[in-house]
Amino acid sequence: MTARQRQSLNRLVNATKYSLQGLKATFKNEQAFRQELYLTVVLAPLAMWLAHTGVELHGLSGWAKDAGSAAVMLSLINVVVIRALVLLT
């Protein structure tokens, strides 16, 4: 392993360590973060199971997938608009 590769690996290890420290501190000090994490732990597997059932079982599941897709699109548009506003000011 070259010196440059070791330096890159050390940076990655340090960045991971700092990120984990930040997550730990946030979990310890922010109630809203803990609530969202708990909900994610419960709802993510449920969402995976519901997605696995497909659109054939219920007519509303196609609509729900379209609504989710629209929410993602609006989020992406929001990112672009905010980025543009930051760059212009």
PDB file of N, CA and C in Angstrom:
ATOM      1  N   MET A   1       0.857  -1.168   0.000  1.00  0.00           N
ATOM      2  CA  MET A   1       0.000   0.000   0.000  1.00  0.00           C
ATOM      3  C   MET A   1       0.911   1.242   0.000  1.00  0.00           C
ATOM      4  N   THR A   2       0.618   2.140  -0.895  1.00  0.00           N
ATOM      5  CA  THR A   2       1.427   3.351  -0.998  1.00  0.00           C
ATOM      6  C   THR A   2       1.065   4.332   0.114  1.00  0.00           C
ATOM      7  N   ALA A   3       1.921   5.340   0.281  1.00  0.00           N
ATOM      8  CA  ALA A   3       1.672   6.358   1.310  1.00  0.00           C
ATOM      9  C   ALA A   3       0.386   7.117   1.008  1.00  0.00           C
ATOM     10  N   ARG A   4       0.137   7.365  -0.261  1.00  0.00           N
ATOM     11  CA  ARG A   4      -1.085   8.088  -0.643  1.00  0.00           C
ATOM     12  C   ARG A   4      -2.334   7.265  -0.317  1.00  0.00           C
ATOM     13  N   GLN A   5      -2.275   5.963  -0.570  1.00  0.00           N
ATOM     14  CA  GLN A   5      -3.409   5.092  -0.262  1.00  0.00           C
ATOM     15  C   GLN A   5      -3.639   5.018   1.249  1.00  0.00           C
ATOM     16  N   ARG A   6      -2.529   4.962   2.025  1.00  0.00           N
ATOM     17  CA  ARG A   6      -2.672   4.943   3.490  1.00  0.00           C
ATOM     18  C   ARG A   6      -3.300   6.235   3.988  1.00  0.00           C
ATOM     19  N   GLN A   7      -2.878   7.368   3.404  1.00  0.00           N
ATOM     20  CA  GLN A   7      -3.444   8.658   3.802  1.00  0.00           C
ATOM     21  C   GLN A   7      -4.936   8.711   3.487  1.00  0.00           C
ATOM     22  N   SER A   8      -5.327   8.224   2.315  1.00  0.00           N
ATOM     23  CA  SER A   8      -6.737   8.201   1.941  1.00  0.00           C
ATOM     24  C   SER A   8      -7.531   7.303   2.879  1.00  0.00           C
ATOM     25  N   LEU A   9      -6.962   6.164   3.205  1.00  0.00           N
ATOM     26  CA  LEU A   9      -7.637   5.239   4.115  1.00  0.00           C
ATOM     27  C   LEU A   9      -7.772   5.860   5.507  1.00  0.00           C
ATOM     28  N   ASN A  10      -6.723   6.547   5.974  1.00  0.00           N
ATOM     29  CA  ASN A  10      -6.793   7.210   7.281  1.00  0.00           C
ATOM     30  C   ASN A  10      -7.858   8.293   7.283  1.00  0.00           C
ATOM     31  N   ARG A  11      -7.971   9.041   6.204  1.00  0.00           N
ATOM     32  CA  ARG A  11      -9.012  10.073   6.108  1.00  0.00           C
ATOM     33  C   ARG A  11     -10.397   9.447   6.185  1.00  0.00           C
ATOM     34  N   LEU A  12     -10.578   8.342   5.479  1.00  0.00           N
ATOM     35  CA  LEU A  12     -11.867   7.656   5.497  1.00  0.00           C
ATOM     36  C   LEU A  12     -12.195   7.150   6.899  1.00  0.00           C
ATOM     37  N   VAL A  13     -11.210   6.566   7.560  1.00  0.00           N
ATOM     38  CA  VAL A  13     -11.419   6.053   8.920  1.00  0.00           C
ATOM     39  C   VAL A  13     -11.758   7.201   9.862  1.00  0.00           C
ATOM     40  N   ASN A  14     -11.015   8.311   9.769  1.00  0.00           N
ATOM     41  CA  ASN A  14     -11.287   9.459  10.642  1.00  0.00           C
ATOM     42  C   ASN A  14     -12.650  10.067  10.358  1.00  0.00           C
ATOM     43  N   ALA A  15     -13.019  10.209   9.085  1.00  0.00           N
ATOM     44  CA  ALA A  15     -14.325  10.772   8.744  1.00  0.00           C
ATOM     45  C   ALA A  15     -15.443   9.891   9.283  1.00  0.00           C
ATOM     46  N   THR A  16     -15.268   8.582   9.185  1.00  0.00           N
ATOM     47  CA  THR A  16     -16.275   7.652   9.710  1.00  0.00           C
ATOM     48  C   THR A  16     -16.375   7.788  11.227  1.00  0.00           C
ATOM     49  N   LYS A  17     -15.232   7.891  11.885  1.00  0.00           N
ATOM     50  CA  LYS A  17     -15.225   8.042  13.347  1.00  0.00           C
ATOM     51  C   LYS A  17     -15.949   9.325  13.762  1.00  0.00           C
ATOM     52  N   TYR A  18     -15.670  10.435  13.084  1.00  0.00           N
ATOM     53  CA  TYR A  18     -16.314  11.703  13.433  1.00  0.00           C
ATOM     54  C   TYR A  18     -17.817  11.652  13.160  1.00  0.00           C
ATOM     55  N   SER A  19     -18.202  11.003  12.079  1.00  0.00           N
ATOM     56  CA  SER A  19     -19.632  10.882  11.770  1.00  0.00           C
ATOM     57  C   SER A  19     -20.348  10.064  12.832  1.00  0.00           C
ATOM     58  N   LEU A  20     -19.731   8.984  13.258  1.00  0.00           N
ATOM     59  CA  LEU A  20     -20.344   8.157  14.302  1.00  0.00           C
ATOM     60  C   LEU A  20     -20.429   8.904  15.629  1.00  0.00           C
ATOM     61  N   GLN A  21     -19.406   9.711  15.941  1.00  0.00           N
ATOM     62  CA  GLN A  21     -19.464  10.535  17.149  1.00  0.00           C
ATOM     63  C   GLN A  21     -20.618  11.534  17.071  1.00  0.00           C
ATOM     64  N   GLY A  22     -20.819  12.111  15.884  1.00  0.00           N
ATOM     65  CA  GLY A  22     -21.925  13.048  15.695  1.00  0.00           C
ATOM     66  C   GLY A  22     -23.275  12.374  15.857  1.00  0.00           C
ATOM     67  N   LEU A  23     -23.408  11.173  15.293  1.00  0.00           N
ATOM     68  CA  LEU A  23     -24.660  10.433  15.450  1.00  0.00           C
ATOM     69  C   LEU A  23     -24.919  10.105  16.922  1.00  0.00           C
ATOM     70  N   LYS A  24     -23.868   9.693  17.626  1.00  0.00           N
ATOM     71  CA  LYS A  24     -24.018   9.355  19.038  1.00  0.00           C
ATOM     72  C   LYS A  24     -24.453  10.580  19.852  1.00  0.00           C
ATOM     73  N   ALA A  25     -23.814  11.724  19.599  1.00  0.00           N
ATOM     74  CA  ALA A  25     -24.158  12.942  20.327  1.00  0.00           C
ATOM     75  C   ALA A  25     -25.578  13.394  19.994  1.00  0.00           C
ATOM     76  N   THR A  26     -25.947  13.292  18.733  1.00  0.00           N
ATOM     77  CA  THR A  26     -27.294  13.692  18.335  1.00  0.00           C
ATOM     78  C   THR A  26     -28.333  12.773  18.968  1.00  0.00           C
ATOM     79  N   PHE A  27     -28.066  11.483  18.956  1.00  0.00           N
ATOM     80  CA  PHE A  27     -28.994  10.539  19.571  1.00  0.00           C
ATOM     81  C   PHE A  27     -29.156  10.840  21.062  1.00  0.00           C
ATOM     82  N   LYS A  28     -28.062  11.174  21.709  1.00  0.00           N
ATOM     83  CA  LYS A  28     -28.092  11.436  23.150  1.00  0.00           C
ATOM     84  C   LYS A  28     -28.837  12.729  23.487  1.00  0.00           C
ATOM     85  N   ASN A  29     -28.724  13.754  22.638  1.00  0.00           N
ATOM     86  CA  ASN A  29     -29.204  15.083  22.993  1.00  0.00           C
ATOM     87  C   ASN A  29     -30.479  15.534  22.285  1.00  0.00           C
ATOM     88  N   GLU A  30     -30.901  14.855  21.246  1.00  0.00           N
ATOM     89  CA  GLU A  30     -32.044  15.326  20.460  1.00  0.00           C
ATOM     90  C   GLU A  30     -33.182  14.309  20.489  1.00  0.00           C
ATOM     91  N   GLN A  31     -34.255  14.665  21.170  1.00  0.00           N
ATOM     92  CA  GLN A  31     -35.399  13.763  21.289  1.00  0.00           C
ATOM     93  C   GLN A  31     -36.051  13.508  19.930  1.00  0.00           C
ATOM     94  N   ALA A  32     -36.168  14.540  19.097  1.00  0.00           N
ATOM     95  CA  ALA A  32     -36.800  14.380  17.786  1.00  0.00           C
ATOM     96  C   ALA A  32     -36.018  13.385  16.923  1.00  0.00           C
ATOM     97  N   PHE A  33     -34.695  13.421  17.012  1.00  0.00           N
ATOM     98  CA  PHE A  33     -33.866  12.475  16.257  1.00  0.00           C
ATOM     99  C   PHE A  33     -34.146  11.044  16.712  1.00  0.00           C
ATOM    100  N   ARG A  34     -34.225  10.850  18.031  1.00  0.00           N
ATOM    101  CA  ARG A  34     -34.516   9.503  18.546  1.00  0.00           C
ATOM    102  C   ARG A  34     -35.884   9.016  18.083  1.00  0.00           C
ATOM    103  N   GLN A  35     -36.879   9.905  18.119  1.00  0.00           N
ATOM    104  CA  GLN A  35     -38.226   9.523  17.691  1.00  0.00           C
ATOM    105  C   GLN A  35     -38.223   9.114  16.218  1.00  0.00           C
ATOM    106  N   GLU A  36     -37.549   9.884  15.385  1.00  0.00           N
ATOM    107  CA  GLU A  36     -37.507   9.549  13.957  1.00  0.00           C
ATOM    108  C   GLU A  36     -36.756   8.249  13.724  1.00  0.00           C
ATOM    109  N   LEU A  37     -35.697   8.032  14.476  1.00  0.00           N
ATOM    110  CA  LEU A  37     -34.945   6.782  14.340  1.00  0.00           C
ATOM    111  C   LEU A  37     -35.794   5.582  14.728  1.00  0.00           C
ATOM    112  N   TYR A  38     -36.527   5.696  15.846  1.00  0.00           N
ATOM    113  CA  TYR A  38     -37.401   4.600  16.272  1.00  0.00           C
ATOM    114  C   TYR A  38     -38.478   4.315  15.226  1.00  0.00           C
ATOM    115  N   LEU A  39     -39.070   5.383  14.687  1.00  0.00           N
ATOM    116  CA  LEU A  39     -40.090   5.193  13.656  1.00  0.00           C
ATOM    117  C   LEU A  39     -39.503   4.545  12.406  1.00  0.00           C
ATOM    118  N   THR A  40     -38.286   4.926  12.046  1.00  0.00           N
ATOM    119  CA  THR A  40     -37.631   4.332  10.881  1.00  0.00           C
ATOM    120  C   THR A  40     -37.395   2.848  11.093  1.00  0.00           C
ATOM    121  N   VAL A  41     -36.961   2.487  12.290  1.00  0.00           N
ATOM    122  CA  VAL A  41     -36.710   1.075  12.589  1.00  0.00           C
ATOM    123  C   VAL A  41     -37.992   0.257  12.443  1.00  0.00           C
ATOM    124  N   VAL A  42     -39.123   0.834  12.823  1.00  0.00           N
ATOM    125  CA  VAL A  42     -40.396   0.118  12.737  1.00  0.00           C
ATOM    126  C   VAL A  42     -40.987   0.187  11.332  1.00  0.00           C
ATOM    127  N   LEU A  43     -40.969   1.382  10.735  1.00  0.00           N
ATOM    128  CA  LEU A  43     -41.697   1.582   9.479  1.00  0.00           C
ATOM    129  C   LEU A  43     -40.934   1.145   8.231  1.00  0.00           C
ATOM    130  N   ALA A  44     -39.607   1.158   8.259  1.00  0.00           N
ATOM    131  CA  ALA A  44     -38.849   0.747   7.072  1.00  0.00           C
ATOM    132  C   ALA A  44     -39.116  -0.718   6.706  1.00  0.00           C
ATOM    133  N   PRO A  45     -39.060  -1.642   7.672  1.00  0.00           N
ATOM    134  CA  PRO A  45     -39.401  -3.028   7.308  1.00  0.00           C
ATOM    135  C   PRO A  45     -40.857  -3.169   6.831  1.00  0.00           C
ATOM    136  N   LEU A  46     -41.760  -2.413   7.450  1.00  0.00           N
ATOM    137  CA  LEU A  46     -43.153  -2.449   7.015  1.00  0.00           C
ATOM    138  C   LEU A  46     -43.281  -1.966   5.570  1.00  0.00           C
ATOM    139  N   ALA A  47     -42.577  -0.900   5.241  1.00  0.00           N
ATOM    140  CA  ALA A  47     -42.613  -0.379   3.870  1.00  0.00           C
ATOM    141  C   ALA A  47     -42.050  -1.391   2.886  1.00  0.00           C
ATOM    142  N   MET A  48     -40.980  -2.069   3.280  1.00  0.00           N
ATOM    143  CA  MET A  48     -40.395  -3.096   2.399  1.00  0.00           C
ATOM    144  C   MET A  48     -41.403  -4.232   2.168  1.00  0.00           C
ATOM    145  N   TRP A  49     -42.084  -4.620   3.228  1.00  0.00           N
ATOM    146  CA  TRP A  49     -43.069  -5.692   3.096  1.00  0.00           C
ATOM    147  C   TRP A  49     -44.224  -5.249   2.205  1.00  0.00           C
ATOM    148  N   LEU A  50     -44.705  -4.016   2.401  1.00  0.00           N
ATOM    149  CA  LEU A  50     -45.805  -3.515   1.581  1.00  0.00           C
ATOM    150  C   LEU A  50     -45.395  -3.368   0.123  1.00  0.00           C
ATOM    151  N   ALA A  51     -44.160  -2.930  -0.128  1.00  0.00           N
ATOM    152  CA  ALA A  51     -43.680  -2.802  -1.504  1.00  0.00           C
ATOM    153  C   ALA A  51     -43.586  -4.175  -2.162  1.00  0.00           C
ATOM    154  N   HIS A  52     -43.270  -5.175  -1.358  1.00  0.00           N
ATOM    155  CA  HIS A  52     -43.151  -6.529  -1.898  1.00  0.00           C
ATOM    156  C   HIS A  52     -44.499  -7.083  -2.348  1.00  0.00           C
ATOM    157  N   THR A  53     -45.585  -6.627  -1.722  1.00  0.00           N
ATOM    158  CA  THR A  53     -46.890  -7.160  -2.070  1.00  0.00           C
ATOM    159  C   THR A  53     -47.324  -6.736  -3.471  1.00  0.00           C
ATOM    160  N   GLY A  54     -46.818  -5.603  -3.980  1.00  0.00           N
ATOM    161  CA  GLY A  54     -47.097  -5.187  -5.348  1.00  0.00           C
ATOM    162  C   GLY A  54     -48.424  -4.465  -5.496  1.00  0.00           C
ATOM    163  N   VAL A  55     -48.690  -3.977  -6.709  1.00  0.00           N
ATOM    164  CA  VAL A  55     -49.895  -3.202  -6.981  1.00  0.00           C
ATOM    165  C   VAL A  55     -51.100  -4.085  -7.306  1.00  0.00           C
ATOM    166  N   GLU A  56     -50.890  -5.349  -7.493  1.00  0.00           N
ATOM    167  CA  GLU A  56     -51.999  -6.213  -7.882  1.00  0.00           C
ATOM    168  C   GLU A  56     -52.990  -6.458  -6.743  1.00  0.00           C
ATOM    169  N   LEU A  57     -52.546  -6.343  -5.511  1.00  0.00           N
ATOM    170  CA  LEU A  57     -53.404  -6.707  -4.400  1.00  0.00           C
ATOM    171  C   LEU A  57     -54.415  -5.627  -4.040  1.00  0.00           C
ATOM    172  N   HIS A  58     -54.088  -4.371  -4.317  1.00  0.00           N
ATOM    173  CA  HIS A  58     -54.988  -3.307  -3.920  1.00  0.00           C
ATOM    174  C   HIS A  58     -54.869  -2.150  -4.895  1.00  0.00           C
ATOM    175  N   GLY A  59     -55.985  -1.566  -5.260  1.00  0.00           N
ATOM    176  CA  GLY A  59     -55.982  -0.479  -6.230  1.00  0.00           C
ATOM    177  C   GLY A  59     -55.295   0.782  -5.739  1.00  0.00           C
ATOM    178  N   LEU A  60     -55.288   1.006  -4.431  1.00  0.00           N
ATOM    179  CA  LEU A  60     -54.662   2.213  -3.889  1.00  0.00           C
ATOM    180  C   LEU A  60     -53.143   2.126  -3.836  1.00  0.00           C
ATOM    181  N   SER A  61     -52.571   0.939  -3.920  1.00  0.00           N
ATOM    182  CA  SER A  61     -51.116   0.856  -3.811  1.00  0.00           C
ATOM    183  C   SER A  61     -50.430   1.514  -5.002  1.00  0.00           C
ATOM    184  N   GLY A  62     -51.031   1.475  -6.179  1.00  0.00           N
ATOM    185  CA  GLY A  62     -50.468   2.189  -7.329  1.00  0.00           C
ATOM    186  C   GLY A  62     -50.490   3.687  -7.106  1.00  0.00           C
ATOM    187  N   TRP A  63     -51.589   4.171  -6.538  1.00  0.00           N
ATOM    188  CA  TRP A  63     -51.689   5.597  -6.228  1.00  0.00           C
ATOM    189  C   TRP A  63     -50.665   5.983  -5.172  1.00  0.00           C
ATOM    190  N   ALA A  64     -50.454   5.146  -4.173  1.00  0.00           N
ATOM    191  CA  ALA A  64     -49.489   5.445  -3.111  1.00  0.00           C
ATOM    192  C   ALA A  64     -48.078   5.521  -3.663  1.00  0.00           C
ATOM    193  N   LYS A  65     -47.749   4.621  -4.584  1.00  0.00           N
ATOM    194  CA  LYS A  65     -46.421   4.671  -5.197  1.00  0.00           C
ATOM    195  C   LYS A  65     -46.262   5.936  -6.026  1.00  0.00           C
ATOM    196  N   ASP A  66     -47.296   6.346  -6.742  1.00  0.00           N
ATOM    197  CA  ASP A  66     -47.232   7.585  -7.514  1.00  0.00           C
ATOM    198  C   ASP A  66     -47.085   8.794  -6.598  1.00  0.00           C
ATOM    199  N   ALA A  67     -47.789   8.794  -5.465  1.00  0.00           N
ATOM    200  CA  ALA A  67     -47.683   9.896  -4.509  1.00  0.00           C
ATOM    201  C   ALA A  67     -46.278   9.955  -3.923  1.00  0.00           C
ATOM    202  N   GLY A  68     -45.698   8.813  -3.618  1.00  0.00           N
ATOM    203  CA  GLY A  68     -44.323   8.773  -3.117  1.00  0.00           C
ATOM    204  C   GLY A  68     -43.339   9.289  -4.148  1.00  0.00           C
ATOM    205  N   SER A  69     -43.549   8.908  -5.380  1.00  0.00           N
ATOM    206  CA  SER A  69     -42.693   9.399  -6.464  1.00  0.00           C
ATOM    207  C   SER A  69     -42.814  10.910  -6.609  1.00  0.00           C
ATOM    208  N   ALA A  70     -44.012  11.437  -6.486  1.00  0.00           N
ATOM    209  CA  ALA A  70     -44.219  12.883  -6.568  1.00  0.00           C
ATOM    210  C   ALA A  70     -43.519  13.596  -5.409  1.00  0.00           C
ATOM    211  N   ALA A  71     -43.548  13.014  -4.230  1.00  0.00           N
ATOM    212  CA  ALA A  71     -42.877  13.614  -3.075  1.00  0.00           C
ATOM    213  C   ALA A  71     -41.367  13.669  -3.294  1.00  0.00           C
ATOM    214  N   VAL A  72     -40.807  12.621  -3.843  1.00  0.00           N
ATOM    215  CA  VAL A  72     -39.371  12.609  -4.146  1.00  0.00           C
ATOM    216  C   VAL A  72     -39.044  13.678  -5.181  1.00  0.00           C
ATOM    217  N   MET A  73     -39.871  13.792  -6.221  1.00  0.00           N
ATOM    218  CA  MET A  73     -39.636  14.799  -7.248  1.00  0.00           C
ATOM    219  C   MET A  73     -39.678  16.205  -6.649  1.00  0.00           C
ATOM    220  N   LEU A  74     -40.650  16.478  -5.785  1.00  0.00           N
ATOM    221  CA  LEU A  74     -40.731  17.798  -5.149  1.00  0.00           C
ATOM    222  C   LEU A  74     -39.513  18.067  -4.272  1.00  0.00           C
ATOM    223  N   SER A  75     -39.021  17.055  -3.606  1.00  0.00           N
ATOM    224  CA  SER A  75     -37.819  17.218  -2.798  1.00  0.00           C
ATOM    225  C   SER A  75     -36.619  17.570  -3.663  1.00  0.00           C
ATOM    226  N   LEU A  76     -36.484  16.911  -4.791  1.00  0.00           N
ATOM    227  CA  LEU A  76     -35.380  17.201  -5.703  1.00  0.00           C
ATOM    228  C   LEU A  76     -35.492  18.603  -6.288  1.00  0.00           C
ATOM    229  N   ILE A  77     -36.709  19.010  -6.627  1.00  0.00           N
ATOM    230  CA  ILE A  77     -36.914  20.376  -7.122  1.00  0.00           C
ATOM    231  C   ILE A  77     -36.538  21.376  -6.034  1.00  0.00           C
ATOM    232  N   ASN A  78     -36.908  21.084  -4.794  1.00  0.00           N
ATOM    233  CA  ASN A  78     -36.573  21.949  -3.671  1.00  0.00           C
ATOM    234  C   ASN A  78     -35.058  22.086  -3.522  1.00  0.00           C
ATOM    235  N   VAL A  79     -34.327  20.996  -3.677  1.00  0.00           N
ATOM    236  CA  VAL A  79     -32.862  21.039  -3.589  1.00  0.00           C
ATOM    237  C   VAL A  79     -32.296  21.950  -4.669  1.00  0.00           C
ATOM    238  N   VAL A  80     -32.795  21.811  -5.892  1.00  0.00           N
ATOM    239  CA  VAL A  80     -32.296  22.624  -6.999  1.00  0.00           C
ATOM    240  C   VAL A  80     -32.588  24.099  -6.767  1.00  0.00           C
ATOM    241  N   VAL A  81     -33.794  24.424  -6.338  1.00  0.00           N
ATOM    242  CA  VAL A  81     -34.172  25.824  -6.102  1.00  0.00           C
ATOM    243  C   VAL A  81     -33.323  26.429  -4.982  1.00  0.00           C
ATOM    244  N   ILE A  82     -33.183  25.721  -3.881  1.00  0.00           N
ATOM    245  CA  ILE A  82     -32.401  26.247  -2.774  1.00  0.00           C
ATOM    246  C   ILE A  82     -30.934  26.408  -3.166  1.00  0.00           C
ATOM    247  N   ARG A  83     -30.403  25.437  -3.884  1.00  0.00           N
ATOM    248  CA  ARG A  83     -29.008  25.528  -4.343  1.00  0.00           C
ATOM    249  C   ARG A  83     -28.832  26.756  -5.238  1.00  0.00           C
ATOM    250  N   ALA A  84     -29.776  26.975  -6.146  1.00  0.00           N
ATOM    251  CA  ALA A  84     -29.706  28.123  -7.039  1.00  0.00           C
ATOM    252  C   ALA A  84     -29.778  29.428  -6.248  1.00  0.00           C
ATOM    253  N   LEU A  85     -30.662  29.488  -5.260  1.00  0.00           N
ATOM    254  CA  LEU A  85     -30.773  30.706  -4.446  1.00  0.00           C
ATOM    255  C   LEU A  85     -29.494  30.974  -3.655  1.00  0.00           C
ATOM    256  N   VAL A  86     -28.880  29.920  -3.134  1.00  0.00           N
ATOM    257  CA  VAL A  86     -27.636  30.092  -2.393  1.00  0.00           C
ATOM    258  C   VAL A  86     -26.532  30.578  -3.318  1.00  0.00           C
ATOM    259  N   LEU A  87     -26.453  30.010  -4.505  1.00  0.00           N
ATOM    260  CA  LEU A  87     -25.394  30.403  -5.441  1.00  0.00           C
ATOM    261  C   LEU A  87     -25.599  31.821  -5.955  1.00  0.00           C
ATOM    262  N   LEU A  88     -26.843  32.275  -6.059  1.00  0.00           N
ATOM    263  CA  LEU A  88     -27.126  33.616  -6.595  1.00  0.00           C
ATOM    264  C   LEU A  88     -26.962  34.707  -5.554  1.00  0.00           C
ATOM    265  N   THR A  89     -26.935  34.350  -4.279  1.00  0.00           N
ATOM    266  CA  THR A  89     -26.821  35.398  -3.244  1.00  0.00           C
ATOM    267  C   THR A  89     -25.412  35.467  -2.705  1.00  0.00           C
TER     268      THR A  89
END
